[in-house]
């Protein structure tokens, strides 16, 4: 079994960009077939985006399980990834240091792990 990288990271949304985040998430959902194609090259087995508002700030959380040796999204020429990065630059507050939560336990049944090769 290849090494799995399991991550959950919190990013803050720029003030006033909630509508653009709505558009971003709708874009990804609308083009899911193409999104899933891009995950193959990244060796991304699971990627989920979660959203939260706390004390007047909005956050997006990226949860992912990724194999080794995949390409970075920035290296992709696929239109989905280019649009995704445009939304990222417009919506994610680069002044806020992203928070990587610590992975303590990973529970994936063996039959599922065997499919992740």
PDB file of N, CA and C in Angstrom:
ATOM      1  N   UNK A   1       0.844  -1.194   0.000  1.00  0.00           N
ATOM      2  CA  UNK A   1       0.000   0.000   0.000  1.00  0.00           C
ATOM      3  C   UNK A   1       0.875   1.239   0.000  1.00  0.00           C
ATOM      4  N   UNK A   2       0.606   2.136  -0.927  1.00  0.00           N
ATOM      5  CA  UNK A   2       1.313   3.410  -0.961  1.00  0.00           C
ATOM      6  C   UNK A   2       0.978   4.225   0.278  1.00  0.00           C
ATOM      7  N   UNK A   3       1.859   5.165   0.596  1.00  0.00           N
ATOM      8  CA  UNK A   3       1.629   6.073   1.707  1.00  0.00           C
ATOM      9  C   UNK A   3       0.448   6.985   1.385  1.00  0.00           C
ATOM     10  N   UNK A   4      -0.431   7.183   2.336  1.00  0.00           N
ATOM     11  CA  UNK A   4      -1.562   8.095   2.178  1.00  0.00           C
ATOM     12  C   UNK A   4      -1.296   9.371   2.959  1.00  0.00           C
ATOM     13  N   UNK A   5      -1.638  10.493   2.362  1.00  0.00           N
ATOM     14  CA  UNK A   5      -1.541  11.774   3.032  1.00  0.00           C
ATOM     15  C   UNK A   5      -2.970  12.215   3.358  1.00  0.00           C
ATOM     16  N   UNK A   6      -3.309  12.246   4.639  1.00  0.00           N
ATOM     17  CA  UNK A   6      -4.645  12.630   5.091  1.00  0.00           C
ATOM     18  C   UNK A   6      -4.540  14.014   5.718  1.00  0.00           C
ATOM     19  N   UNK A   7      -5.311  14.966   5.174  1.00  0.00           N
ATOM     20  CA  UNK A   7      -5.214  16.348   5.635  1.00  0.00           C
ATOM     21  C   UNK A   7      -6.585  16.971   5.857  1.00  0.00           C
ATOM     22  N   UNK A   8      -6.623  17.880   6.811  1.00  0.00           N
ATOM     23  CA  UNK A   8      -7.759  18.768   7.009  1.00  0.00           C
ATOM     24  C   UNK A   8      -7.164  20.141   7.318  1.00  0.00           C
ATOM     25  N   UNK A   9      -7.423  21.108   6.435  1.00  0.00           N
ATOM     26  CA  UNK A   9      -6.828  22.439   6.565  1.00  0.00           C
ATOM     27  C   UNK A   9      -7.923  23.490   6.484  1.00  0.00           C
ATOM     28  N   UNK A  10      -7.793  24.503   7.363  1.00  0.00           N
ATOM     29  CA  UNK A  10      -8.756  25.609   7.409  1.00  0.00           C
ATOM     30  C   UNK A  10      -8.145  26.845   6.745  1.00  0.00           C
ATOM     31  N   UNK A  11      -8.928  27.448   5.845  1.00  0.00           N
ATOM     32  CA  UNK A  11      -8.555  28.692   5.171  1.00  0.00           C
ATOM     33  C   UNK A  11      -9.640  29.715   5.439  1.00  0.00           C
ATOM     34  N   UNK A  12      -9.250  30.968   5.603  1.00  0.00           N
ATOM     35  CA  UNK A  12     -10.248  32.021   5.824  1.00  0.00           C
ATOM     36  C   UNK A  12     -10.621  32.672   4.498  1.00  0.00           C
ATOM     37  N   UNK A  13     -11.908  32.943   4.356  1.00  0.00           N
ATOM     38  CA  UNK A  13     -12.445  33.623   3.173  1.00  0.00           C
ATOM     39  C   UNK A  13     -12.275  35.130   3.369  1.00  0.00           C
ATOM     40  N   UNK A  14     -11.905  35.821   2.302  1.00  0.00           N
ATOM     41  CA  UNK A  14     -11.799  37.273   2.349  1.00  0.00           C
ATOM     42  C   UNK A  14     -13.169  37.881   2.668  1.00  0.00           C
ATOM     43  N   UNK A  15     -13.154  38.959   3.417  1.00  0.00           N
ATOM     44  CA  UNK A  15     -14.387  39.665   3.764  1.00  0.00           C
ATOM     45  C   UNK A  15     -15.091  40.101   2.476  1.00  0.00           C
ATOM     46  N   UNK A  16     -16.396  39.878   2.411  1.00  0.00           N
ATOM     47  CA  UNK A  16     -17.188  40.304   1.271  1.00  0.00           C
ATOM     48  C   UNK A  16     -17.175  39.347   0.089  1.00  0.00           C
ATOM     49  N   UNK A  17     -16.586  38.163   0.244  1.00  0.00           N
ATOM     50  CA  UNK A  17     -16.462  37.232  -0.876  1.00  0.00           C
ATOM     51  C   UNK A  17     -17.379  36.004  -0.758  1.00  0.00           C
ATOM     52  N   UNK A  18     -18.377  36.055   0.123  1.00  0.00           N
ATOM     53  CA  UNK A  18     -19.280  34.909   0.307  1.00  0.00           C
ATOM     54  C   UNK A  18     -20.028  34.547  -0.968  1.00  0.00           C
ATOM     55  N   UNK A  19     -20.491  35.549  -1.705  1.00  0.00           N
ATOM     56  CA  UNK A  19     -21.215  35.260  -2.957  1.00  0.00           C
ATOM     57  C   UNK A  19     -20.297  34.585  -3.973  1.00  0.00           C
ATOM     58  N   UNK A  20     -19.047  35.006  -4.031  1.00  0.00           N
ATOM     59  CA  UNK A  20     -18.097  34.371  -4.938  1.00  0.00           C
ATOM     60  C   UNK A  20     -17.807  32.939  -4.505  1.00  0.00           C
ATOM     61  N   UNK A  21     -17.772  32.695  -3.188  1.00  0.00           N
ATOM     62  CA  UNK A  21     -17.602  31.325  -2.701  1.00  0.00           C
ATOM     63  C   UNK A  21     -18.814  30.486  -3.096  1.00  0.00           C
ATOM     64  N   UNK A  22     -20.019  31.070  -2.996  1.00  0.00           N
ATOM     65  CA  UNK A  22     -21.224  30.369  -3.460  1.00  0.00           C
ATOM     66  C   UNK A  22     -21.060  29.959  -4.922  1.00  0.00           C
ATOM     67  N   UNK A  23     -20.601  30.899  -5.756  1.00  0.00           N
ATOM     68  CA  UNK A  23     -20.387  30.617  -7.183  1.00  0.00           C
ATOM     69  C   UNK A  23     -19.346  29.517  -7.375  1.00  0.00           C
ATOM     70  N   UNK A  24     -18.263  29.594  -6.619  1.00  0.00           N
ATOM     71  CA  UNK A  24     -17.158  28.637  -6.699  1.00  0.00           C
ATOM     72  C   UNK A  24     -17.657  27.224  -6.407  1.00  0.00           C
ATOM     73  N   UNK A  25     -18.370  27.083  -5.293  1.00  0.00           N
ATOM     74  CA  UNK A  25     -18.856  25.763  -4.898  1.00  0.00           C
ATOM     75  C   UNK A  25     -19.887  25.250  -5.914  1.00  0.00           C
ATOM     76  N   UNK A  26     -20.736  26.151  -6.422  1.00  0.00           N
ATOM     77  CA  UNK A  26     -21.712  25.761  -7.442  1.00  0.00           C
ATOM     78  C   UNK A  26     -20.999  25.329  -8.720  1.00  0.00           C
ATOM     79  N   UNK A  27     -19.935  26.032  -9.095  1.00  0.00           N
ATOM     80  CA  UNK A  27     -19.149  25.671 -10.278  1.00  0.00           C
ATOM     81  C   UNK A  27     -18.581  24.257 -10.138  1.00  0.00           C
ATOM     82  N   UNK A  28     -17.978  23.973  -8.984  1.00  0.00           N
ATOM     83  CA  UNK A  28     -17.397  22.642  -8.772  1.00  0.00           C
ATOM     84  C   UNK A  28     -18.478  21.563  -8.819  1.00  0.00           C
ATOM     85  N   UNK A  29     -19.599  21.808  -8.164  1.00  0.00           N
ATOM     86  CA  UNK A  29     -20.692  20.826  -8.167  1.00  0.00           C
ATOM     87  C   UNK A  29     -21.280  20.629  -9.564  1.00  0.00           C
ATOM     88  N   UNK A  30     -21.423  21.719 -10.312  1.00  0.00           N
ATOM     89  CA  UNK A  30     -21.999  21.634 -11.651  1.00  0.00           C
ATOM     90  C   UNK A  30     -21.096  20.855 -12.614  1.00  0.00           C
ATOM     91  N   UNK A  31     -19.789  20.959 -12.416  1.00  0.00           N
ATOM     92  CA  UNK A  31     -18.817  20.326 -13.315  1.00  0.00           C
ATOM     93  C   UNK A  31     -18.146  19.110 -12.667  1.00  0.00           C
ATOM     94  N   UNK A  32     -18.880  18.398 -11.822  1.00  0.00           N
ATOM     95  CA  UNK A  32     -18.289  17.323 -11.031  1.00  0.00           C
ATOM     96  C   UNK A  32     -17.625  16.241 -11.889  1.00  0.00           C
ATOM     97  N   UNK A  33     -18.213  15.894 -13.038  1.00  0.00           N
ATOM     98  CA  UNK A  33     -17.588  14.866 -13.883  1.00  0.00           C
ATOM     99  C   UNK A  33     -16.163  15.273 -14.266  1.00  0.00           C
ATOM    100  N   UNK A  34     -15.973  16.534 -14.641  1.00  0.00           N
ATOM    101  CA  UNK A  34     -14.641  17.021 -14.996  1.00  0.00           C
ATOM    102  C   UNK A  34     -13.752  17.176 -13.768  1.00  0.00           C
ATOM    103  N   UNK A  35     -14.339  17.595 -12.647  1.00  0.00           N
ATOM    104  CA  UNK A  35     -13.570  17.694 -11.404  1.00  0.00           C
ATOM    105  C   UNK A  35     -12.970  16.329 -11.057  1.00  0.00           C
ATOM    106  N   UNK A  36     -13.774  15.296 -11.170  1.00  0.00           N
ATOM    107  CA  UNK A  36     -13.299  13.954 -10.817  1.00  0.00           C
ATOM    108  C   UNK A  36     -12.171  13.497 -11.731  1.00  0.00           C
ATOM    109  N   UNK A  37     -12.188  13.928 -12.994  1.00  0.00           N
ATOM    110  CA  UNK A  37     -11.089  13.603 -13.912  1.00  0.00           C
ATOM    111  C   UNK A  37      -9.783  14.223 -13.413  1.00  0.00           C
ATOM    112  N   UNK A  38      -9.850  15.465 -12.934  1.00  0.00           N
ATOM    113  CA  UNK A  38      -8.623  16.131 -12.472  1.00  0.00           C
ATOM    114  C   UNK A  38      -8.048  15.469 -11.229  1.00  0.00           C
ATOM    115  N   UNK A  39      -8.906  14.865 -10.413  1.00  0.00           N
ATOM    116  CA  UNK A  39      -8.421  14.209  -9.196  1.00  0.00           C
ATOM    117  C   UNK A  39      -7.535  13.013  -9.509  1.00  0.00           C
ATOM    118  N   UNK A  40      -7.795  12.359 -10.620  1.00  0.00           N
ATOM    119  CA  UNK A  40      -6.993  11.191 -11.006  1.00  0.00           C
ATOM    120  C   UNK A  40      -5.512  11.548 -11.106  1.00  0.00           C
ATOM    121  N   UNK A  41      -5.200  12.635 -11.821  1.00  0.00           N
ATOM    122  CA  UNK A  41      -3.809  13.033 -12.006  1.00  0.00           C
ATOM    123  C   UNK A  41      -3.135  13.469 -10.717  1.00  0.00           C
ATOM    124  N   UNK A  42      -3.939  13.941  -9.778  1.00  0.00           N
ATOM    125  CA  UNK A  42      -3.414  14.378  -8.484  1.00  0.00           C
ATOM    126  C   UNK A  42      -3.262  13.212  -7.503  1.00  0.00           C
ATOM    127  N   UNK A  43      -3.719  12.030  -7.921  1.00  0.00           N
ATOM    128  CA  UNK A  43      -3.791  10.869  -7.026  1.00  0.00           C
ATOM    129  C   UNK A  43      -4.580  11.221  -5.763  1.00  0.00           C
ATOM    130  N   UNK A  44      -5.631  12.029  -5.980  1.00  0.00           N
ATOM    131  CA  UNK A  44      -6.508  12.460  -4.902  1.00  0.00           C
ATOM    132  C   UNK A  44      -7.652  11.462  -4.822  1.00  0.00           C
ATOM    133  N   UNK A  45      -7.687  10.684  -3.743  1.00  0.00           N
ATOM    134  CA  UNK A  45      -8.714   9.663  -3.582  1.00  0.00           C
ATOM    135  C   UNK A  45     -10.013  10.253  -3.059  1.00  0.00           C
ATOM    136  N   UNK A  46      -9.880  11.201  -2.139  1.00  0.00           N
ATOM    137  CA  UNK A  46     -11.046  11.865  -1.549  1.00  0.00           C
ATOM    138  C   UNK A  46     -10.682  13.323  -1.339  1.00  0.00           C
ATOM    139  N   UNK A  47     -11.577  14.206  -1.747  1.00  0.00           N
ATOM    140  CA  UNK A  47     -11.405  15.628  -1.457  1.00  0.00           C
ATOM    141  C   UNK A  47     -12.783  16.206  -1.194  1.00  0.00           C
ATOM    142  N   UNK A  48     -12.912  16.849  -0.063  1.00  0.00           N
ATOM    143  CA  UNK A  48     -14.170  17.483   0.318  1.00  0.00           C
ATOM    144  C   UNK A  48     -13.873  18.895   0.791  1.00  0.00           C
ATOM    145  N   UNK A  49     -14.794  19.813   0.502  1.00  0.00           N
ATOM    146  CA  UNK A  49     -14.683  21.187   0.967  1.00  0.00           C
ATOM    147  C   UNK A  49     -15.856  21.445   1.903  1.00  0.00           C
ATOM    148  N   UNK A  50     -15.550  21.892   3.102  1.00  0.00           N
ATOM    149  CA  UNK A  50     -16.575  22.198   4.096  1.00  0.00           C
ATOM    150  C   UNK A  50     -16.517  23.688   4.396  1.00  0.00           C
ATOM    151  N   UNK A  51     -17.622  24.231   4.857  1.00  0.00           N
ATOM    152  CA  UNK A  51     -17.744  25.677   5.043  1.00  0.00           C
ATOM    153  C   UNK A  51     -18.291  25.968   6.432  1.00  0.00           C
ATOM    154  N   UNK A  52     -17.773  27.055   7.039  1.00  0.00           N
ATOM    155  CA  UNK A  52     -18.212  27.407   8.389  1.00  0.00           C
ATOM    156  C   UNK A  52     -18.092  28.917   8.580  1.00  0.00           C
ATOM    157  N   UNK A  53     -19.017  29.475   9.375  1.00  0.00           N
ATOM    158  CA  UNK A  53     -18.919  30.863   9.815  1.00  0.00           C
ATOM    159  C   UNK A  53     -18.789  30.868  11.329  1.00  0.00           C
ATOM    160  N   UNK A  54     -17.760  31.578  11.814  1.00  0.00           N
ATOM    161  CA  UNK A  54     -17.504  31.678  13.249  1.00  0.00           C
ATOM    162  C   UNK A  54     -17.132  33.117  13.574  1.00  0.00           C
ATOM    163  N   UNK A  55     -17.831  33.702  14.527  1.00  0.00           N
ATOM    164  CA  UNK A  55     -17.517  35.056  14.999  1.00  0.00           C
ATOM    165  C   UNK A  55     -17.333  36.050  13.861  1.00  0.00           C
ATOM    166  N   UNK A  56     -18.214  35.993  12.866  1.00  0.00           N
ATOM    167  CA  UNK A  56     -18.180  36.953  11.777  1.00  0.00           C
ATOM    168  C   UNK A  56     -17.184  36.648  10.672  1.00  0.00           C
ATOM    169  N   UNK A  57     -16.437  35.571  10.806  1.00  0.00           N
ATOM    170  CA  UNK A  57     -15.487  35.174   9.774  1.00  0.00           C
ATOM    171  C   UNK A  57     -15.978  33.889   9.105  1.00  0.00           C
ATOM    172  N   UNK A  58     -15.720  33.796   7.807  1.00  0.00           N
ATOM    173  CA  UNK A  58     -16.095  32.601   7.064  1.00  0.00           C
ATOM    174  C   UNK A  58     -14.839  31.806   6.742  1.00  0.00           C
ATOM    175  N   UNK A  59     -14.956  30.477   6.868  1.00  0.00           N
ATOM    176  CA  UNK A  59     -13.824  29.584   6.627  1.00  0.00           C
ATOM    177  C   UNK A  59     -14.228  28.465   5.674  1.00  0.00           C
ATOM    178  N   UNK A  60     -13.253  28.016   4.890  1.00  0.00           N
ATOM    179  CA  UNK A  60     -13.390  26.811   4.096  1.00  0.00           C
ATOM    180  C   UNK A  60     -12.368  25.814   4.613  1.00  0.00           C
ATOM    181  N   UNK A  61     -12.809  24.575   4.728  1.00  0.00           N
ATOM    182  CA  UNK A  61     -11.942  23.485   5.177  1.00  0.00           C
ATOM    183  C   UNK A  61     -11.779  22.500   4.030  1.00  0.00           C
ATOM    184  N   UNK A  62     -10.551  22.125   3.750  1.00  0.00           N
ATOM    185  CA  UNK A  62     -10.266  21.100   2.741  1.00  0.00           C
ATOM    186  C   UNK A  62      -9.886  19.822   3.473  1.00  0.00           C
ATOM    187  N   UNK A  63     -10.644  18.769   3.233  1.00  0.00           N
ATOM    188  CA  UNK A  63     -10.341  17.442   3.758  1.00  0.00           C
ATOM    189  C   UNK A  63      -9.935  16.577   2.568  1.00  0.00           C
ATOM    190  N   UNK A  64      -8.807  15.914   2.677  1.00  0.00           N
ATOM    191  CA  UNK A  64      -8.366  15.105   1.549  1.00  0.00           C
ATOM    192  C   UNK A  64      -7.596  13.871   2.000  1.00  0.00           C
ATOM    193  N   UNK A  65      -7.693  12.861   1.147  1.00  0.00           N
ATOM    194  CA  UNK A  65      -6.861  11.665   1.248  1.00  0.00           C
ATOM    195  C   UNK A  65      -6.212  11.522  -0.117  1.00  0.00           C
ATOM    196  N   UNK A  66      -4.882  11.599  -0.123  1.00  0.00           N
ATOM    197  CA  UNK A  66      -4.143  11.636  -1.377  1.00  0.00           C
ATOM    198  C   UNK A  66      -2.993  10.636  -1.337  1.00  0.00           C
ATOM    199  N   UNK A  67      -2.746  10.008  -2.472  1.00  0.00           N
ATOM    200  CA  UNK A  67      -1.611   9.113  -2.615  1.00  0.00           C
ATOM    201  C   UNK A  67      -0.355   9.895  -2.958  1.00  0.00           C
ATOM    202  N   UNK A  68       0.747   9.177  -3.058  1.00  0.00           N
ATOM    203  CA  UNK A  68       2.032   9.795  -3.379  1.00  0.00           C
ATOM    204  C   UNK A  68       2.200   9.975  -4.881  1.00  0.00           C
ATOM    205  N   UNK A  69       2.931  11.020  -5.260  1.00  0.00           N
ATOM    206  CA  UNK A  69       3.349  11.174  -6.640  1.00  0.00           C
ATOM    207  C   UNK A  69       2.361  11.838  -7.574  1.00  0.00           C
ATOM    208  N   UNK A  70       1.300  12.399  -7.054  1.00  0.00           N
ATOM    209  CA  UNK A  70       0.340  13.087  -7.918  1.00  0.00           C
ATOM    210  C   UNK A  70       0.841  14.468  -8.305  1.00  0.00           C
ATOM    211  N   UNK A  71       0.272  15.006  -9.368  1.00  0.00           N
ATOM    212  CA  UNK A  71       0.658  16.355  -9.773  1.00  0.00           C
ATOM    213  C   UNK A  71      -0.040  17.373  -8.879  1.00  0.00           C
ATOM    214  N   UNK A  72       0.556  18.552  -8.760  1.00  0.00           N
ATOM    215  CA  UNK A  72      -0.045  19.637  -7.996  1.00  0.00           C
ATOM    216  C   UNK A  72      -1.094  20.333  -8.867  1.00  0.00           C
ATOM    217  N   UNK A  73      -2.128  20.852  -8.235  1.00  0.00           N
ATOM    218  CA  UNK A  73      -3.197  21.523  -8.981  1.00  0.00           C
ATOM    219  C   UNK A  73      -2.634  22.680  -9.805  1.00  0.00           C
ATOM    220  N   UNK A  74      -1.594  23.340  -9.290  1.00  0.00           N
ATOM    221  CA  UNK A  74      -0.993  24.466 -10.006  1.00  0.00           C
ATOM    222  C   UNK A  74      -0.306  24.035 -11.301  1.00  0.00           C
ATOM    223  N   UNK A  75       0.037  22.753 -11.428  1.00  0.00           N
ATOM    224  CA  UNK A  75       0.711  22.227 -12.616  1.00  0.00           C
ATOM    225  C   UNK A  75      -0.274  21.809 -13.704  1.00  0.00           C
ATOM    226  N   UNK A  76      -1.542  21.779 -13.371  1.00  0.00           N
ATOM    227  CA  UNK A  76      -2.562  21.286 -14.294  1.00  0.00           C
ATOM    228  C   UNK A  76      -2.910  22.323 -15.362  1.00  0.00           C
ATOM    229  N   UNK A  77      -3.195  21.832 -16.568  1.00  0.00           N
ATOM    230  CA  UNK A  77      -3.678  22.698 -17.651  1.00  0.00           C
ATOM    231  C   UNK A  77      -5.188  22.556 -17.858  1.00  0.00           C
ATOM    232  N   UNK A  78      -5.840  21.752 -17.030  1.00  0.00           N
ATOM    233  CA  UNK A  78      -7.271  21.498 -17.170  1.00  0.00           C
ATOM    234  C   UNK A  78      -8.065  22.760 -16.807  1.00  0.00           C
ATOM    235  N   UNK A  79      -9.122  23.055 -17.575  1.00  0.00           N
ATOM    236  CA  UNK A  79      -9.910  24.273 -17.345  1.00  0.00           C
ATOM    237  C   UNK A  79     -10.512  24.309 -15.937  1.00  0.00           C
ATOM    238  N   UNK A  80     -10.857  23.156 -15.392  1.00  0.00           N
ATOM    239  CA  UNK A  80     -11.424  23.110 -14.030  1.00  0.00           C
ATOM    240  C   UNK A  80     -10.418  23.648 -13.025  1.00  0.00           C
ATOM    241  N   UNK A  81      -9.184  23.175 -13.128  1.00  0.00           N
ATOM    242  CA  UNK A  81      -8.152  23.602 -12.183  1.00  0.00           C
ATOM    243  C   UNK A  81      -7.807  25.074 -12.352  1.00  0.00           C
ATOM    244  N   UNK A  82      -7.783  25.555 -13.590  1.00  0.00           N
ATOM    245  CA  UNK A  82      -7.495  26.977 -13.822  1.00  0.00           C
ATOM    246  C   UNK A  82      -8.589  27.850 -13.187  1.00  0.00           C
ATOM    247  N   UNK A  83      -9.853  27.469 -13.377  1.00  0.00           N
ATOM    248  CA  UNK A  83     -10.968  28.231 -12.800  1.00  0.00           C
ATOM    249  C   UNK A  83     -10.946  28.115 -11.271  1.00  0.00           C
ATOM    250  N   UNK A  84     -10.654  26.940 -10.769  1.00  0.00           N
ATOM    251  CA  UNK A  84     -10.556  26.708  -9.326  1.00  0.00           C
ATOM    252  C   UNK A  84      -9.513  27.648  -8.718  1.00  0.00           C
ATOM    253  N   UNK A  85      -8.359  27.780  -9.356  1.00  0.00           N
ATOM    254  CA  UNK A  85      -7.301  28.660  -8.841  1.00  0.00           C
ATOM    255  C   UNK A  85      -7.685  30.132  -8.953  1.00  0.00           C
ATOM    256  N   UNK A  86      -8.465  30.500  -9.981  1.00  0.00           N
ATOM    257  CA  UNK A  86      -8.962  31.876 -10.080  1.00  0.00           C
ATOM    258  C   UNK A  86      -9.864  32.205  -8.891  1.00  0.00           C
ATOM    259  N   UNK A  87     -10.790  31.293  -8.591  1.00  0.00           N
ATOM    260  CA  UNK A  87     -11.659  31.492  -7.425  1.00  0.00           C
ATOM    261  C   UNK A  87     -10.827  31.554  -6.146  1.00  0.00           C
ATOM    262  N   UNK A  88      -9.842  30.665  -6.045  1.00  0.00           N
ATOM    263  CA  UNK A  88      -8.972  30.635  -4.864  1.00  0.00           C
ATOM    264  C   UNK A  88      -8.354  32.007  -4.640  1.00  0.00           C
ATOM    265  N   UNK A  89      -7.731  32.566  -5.670  1.00  0.00           N
ATOM    266  CA  UNK A  89      -7.062  33.863  -5.543  1.00  0.00           C
ATOM    267  C   UNK A  89      -8.045  34.967  -5.185  1.00  0.00           C
ATOM    268  N   UNK A  90      -9.263  34.883  -5.718  1.00  0.00           N
ATOM    269  CA  UNK A  90     -10.273  35.899  -5.434  1.00  0.00           C
ATOM    270  C   UNK A  90     -10.829  35.785  -4.016  1.00  0.00           C
ATOM    271  N   UNK A  91     -10.956  34.562  -3.501  1.00  0.00           N
ATOM    272  CA  UNK A  91     -11.726  34.336  -2.275  1.00  0.00           C
ATOM    273  C   UNK A  91     -10.921  34.020  -1.016  1.00  0.00           C
ATOM    274  N   UNK A  92      -9.751  33.429  -1.143  1.00  0.00           N
ATOM    275  CA  UNK A  92      -9.014  32.986   0.045  1.00  0.00           C
ATOM    276  C   UNK A  92      -8.112  34.104   0.559  1.00  0.00           C
ATOM    277  N   UNK A  93      -8.210  34.374   1.848  1.00  0.00           N
ATOM    278  CA  UNK A  93      -7.446  35.427   2.511  1.00  0.00           C
ATOM    279  C   UNK A  93      -6.018  34.929   2.746  1.00  0.00           C
ATOM    280  N   UNK A  94      -5.086  35.410   1.940  1.00  0.00           N
ATOM    281  CA  UNK A  94      -3.687  34.968   2.034  1.00  0.00           C
ATOM    282  C   UNK A  94      -2.978  35.539   3.266  1.00  0.00           C
ATOM    283  N   UNK A  95      -3.581  36.546   3.913  1.00  0.00           N
ATOM    284  CA  UNK A  95      -2.972  37.105   5.126  1.00  0.00           C
ATOM    285  C   UNK A  95      -3.228  36.216   6.348  1.00  0.00           C
ATOM    286  N   UNK A  96      -4.201  35.353   6.243  1.00  0.00           N
ATOM    287  CA  UNK A  96      -4.531  34.407   7.326  1.00  0.00           C
ATOM    288  C   UNK A  96      -3.719  33.143   7.105  1.00  0.00           C
ATOM    289  N   UNK A  97      -2.948  32.754   8.115  1.00  0.00           N
ATOM    290  CA  UNK A  97      -2.139  31.544   7.996  1.00  0.00           C
ATOM    291  C   UNK A  97      -3.054  30.322   8.052  1.00  0.00           C
ATOM    292  N   UNK A  98      -3.050  29.481   7.002  1.00  0.00           N
ATOM    293  CA  UNK A  98      -3.898  28.285   7.027  1.00  0.00           C
ATOM    294  C   UNK A  98      -3.576  27.415   8.245  1.00  0.00           C
ATOM    295  N   UNK A  99      -4.583  26.758   8.762  1.00  0.00           N
ATOM    296  CA  UNK A  99      -4.424  25.910   9.939  1.00  0.00           C
ATOM    297  C   UNK A  99      -4.563  24.453   9.508  1.00  0.00           C
ATOM    298  N   UNK A 100      -3.487  23.697   9.674  1.00  0.00           N
ATOM    299  CA  UNK A 100      -3.512  22.256   9.412  1.00  0.00           C
ATOM    300  C   UNK A 100      -3.855  21.539  10.711  1.00  0.00           C
ATOM    301  N   UNK A 101      -4.984  20.847  10.714  1.00  0.00           N
ATOM    302  CA  UNK A 101      -5.337  20.066  11.888  1.00  0.00           C
ATOM    303  C   UNK A 101      -4.482  18.806  11.906  1.00  0.00           C
ATOM    304  N   UNK A 102      -4.227  18.295  13.073  1.00  0.00           N
ATOM    305  CA  UNK A 102      -3.355  17.137  13.235  1.00  0.00           C
ATOM    306  C   UNK A 102      -4.142  15.853  13.030  1.00  0.00           C
ATOM    307  N   UNK A 103      -3.646  15.006  12.147  1.00  0.00           N
ATOM    308  CA  UNK A 103      -4.253  13.693  11.933  1.00  0.00           C
ATOM    309  C   UNK A 103      -3.803  12.775  13.060  1.00  0.00           C
ATOM    310  N   UNK A 104      -4.747  12.234  13.801  1.00  0.00           N
ATOM    311  CA  UNK A 104      -4.448  11.345  14.913  1.00  0.00           C
ATOM    312  C   UNK A 104      -4.708   9.885  14.566  1.00  0.00           C
ATOM    313  N   UNK A 105      -5.808   9.619  13.868  1.00  0.00           N
ATOM    314  CA  UNK A 105      -6.194   8.252  13.544  1.00  0.00           C
ATOM    315  C   UNK A 105      -6.801   8.263  12.146  1.00  0.00           C
ATOM    316  N   UNK A 106      -6.412   7.297  11.331  1.00  0.00           N
ATOM    317  CA  UNK A 106      -7.002   7.125  10.008  1.00  0.00           C
ATOM    318  C   UNK A 106      -7.648   5.748   9.981  1.00  0.00           C
ATOM    319  N   UNK A 107      -8.944   5.727   9.736  1.00  0.00           N
ATOM    320  CA  UNK A 107      -9.689   4.470   9.724  1.00  0.00           C
ATOM    321  C   UNK A 107     -10.270   4.245   8.340  1.00  0.00           C
ATOM    322  N   UNK A 108      -9.607   3.402   7.579  1.00  0.00           N
ATOM    323  CA  UNK A 108     -10.067   3.053   6.237  1.00  0.00           C
ATOM    324  C   UNK A 108     -10.048   1.530   6.150  1.00  0.00           C
ATOM    325  N   UNK A 109     -11.186   0.917   5.902  1.00  0.00           N
ATOM    326  CA  UNK A 109     -11.202  -0.542   5.799  1.00  0.00           C
ATOM    327  C   UNK A 109     -10.200  -1.039   4.740  1.00  0.00           C
ATOM    328  N   UNK A 110      -9.623  -2.207   4.999  1.00  0.00           N
ATOM    329  CA  UNK A 110      -8.618  -2.774   4.093  1.00  0.00           C
ATOM    330  C   UNK A 110      -9.123  -2.889   2.662  1.00  0.00           C
ATOM    331  N   UNK A 111     -10.369  -3.301   2.478  1.00  0.00           N
ATOM    332  CA  UNK A 111     -10.896  -3.470   1.118  1.00  0.00           C
ATOM    333  C   UNK A 111     -10.937  -2.140   0.371  1.00  0.00           C
ATOM    334  N   UNK A 112     -11.140  -1.034   1.072  1.00  0.00           N
ATOM    335  CA  UNK A 112     -11.123   0.287   0.452  1.00  0.00           C
ATOM    336  C   UNK A 112      -9.679   0.702   0.171  1.00  0.00           C
ATOM    337  N   UNK A 113      -8.788   0.487   1.120  1.00  0.00           N
ATOM    338  CA  UNK A 113      -7.378   0.833   0.925  1.00  0.00           C
ATOM    339  C   UNK A 113      -6.791   0.113  -0.276  1.00  0.00           C
ATOM    340  N   UNK A 114      -7.196  -1.140  -0.484  1.00  0.00           N
ATOM    341  CA  UNK A 114      -6.674  -1.907  -1.615  1.00  0.00           C
ATOM    342  C   UNK A 114      -7.090  -1.287  -2.952  1.00  0.00           C
ATOM    343  N   UNK A 115      -8.193  -0.586  -2.962  1.00  0.00           N
ATOM    344  CA  UNK A 115      -8.645   0.092  -4.187  1.00  0.00           C
ATOM    345  C   UNK A 115      -7.910   1.417  -4.423  1.00  0.00           C
ATOM    346  N   UNK A 116      -7.186   1.883  -3.435  1.00  0.00           N
ATOM    347  CA  UNK A 116      -6.486   3.172  -3.510  1.00  0.00           C
ATOM    348  C   UNK A 116      -5.062   3.015  -4.032  1.00  0.00           C
ATOM    349  N   UNK A 117      -4.820   2.082  -4.886  1.00  0.00           N
ATOM    350  CA  UNK A 117      -3.474   1.881  -5.435  1.00  0.00           C
ATOM    351  C   UNK A 117      -3.414   2.285  -6.871  1.00  0.00           C
TER     352      UNK A 117
END
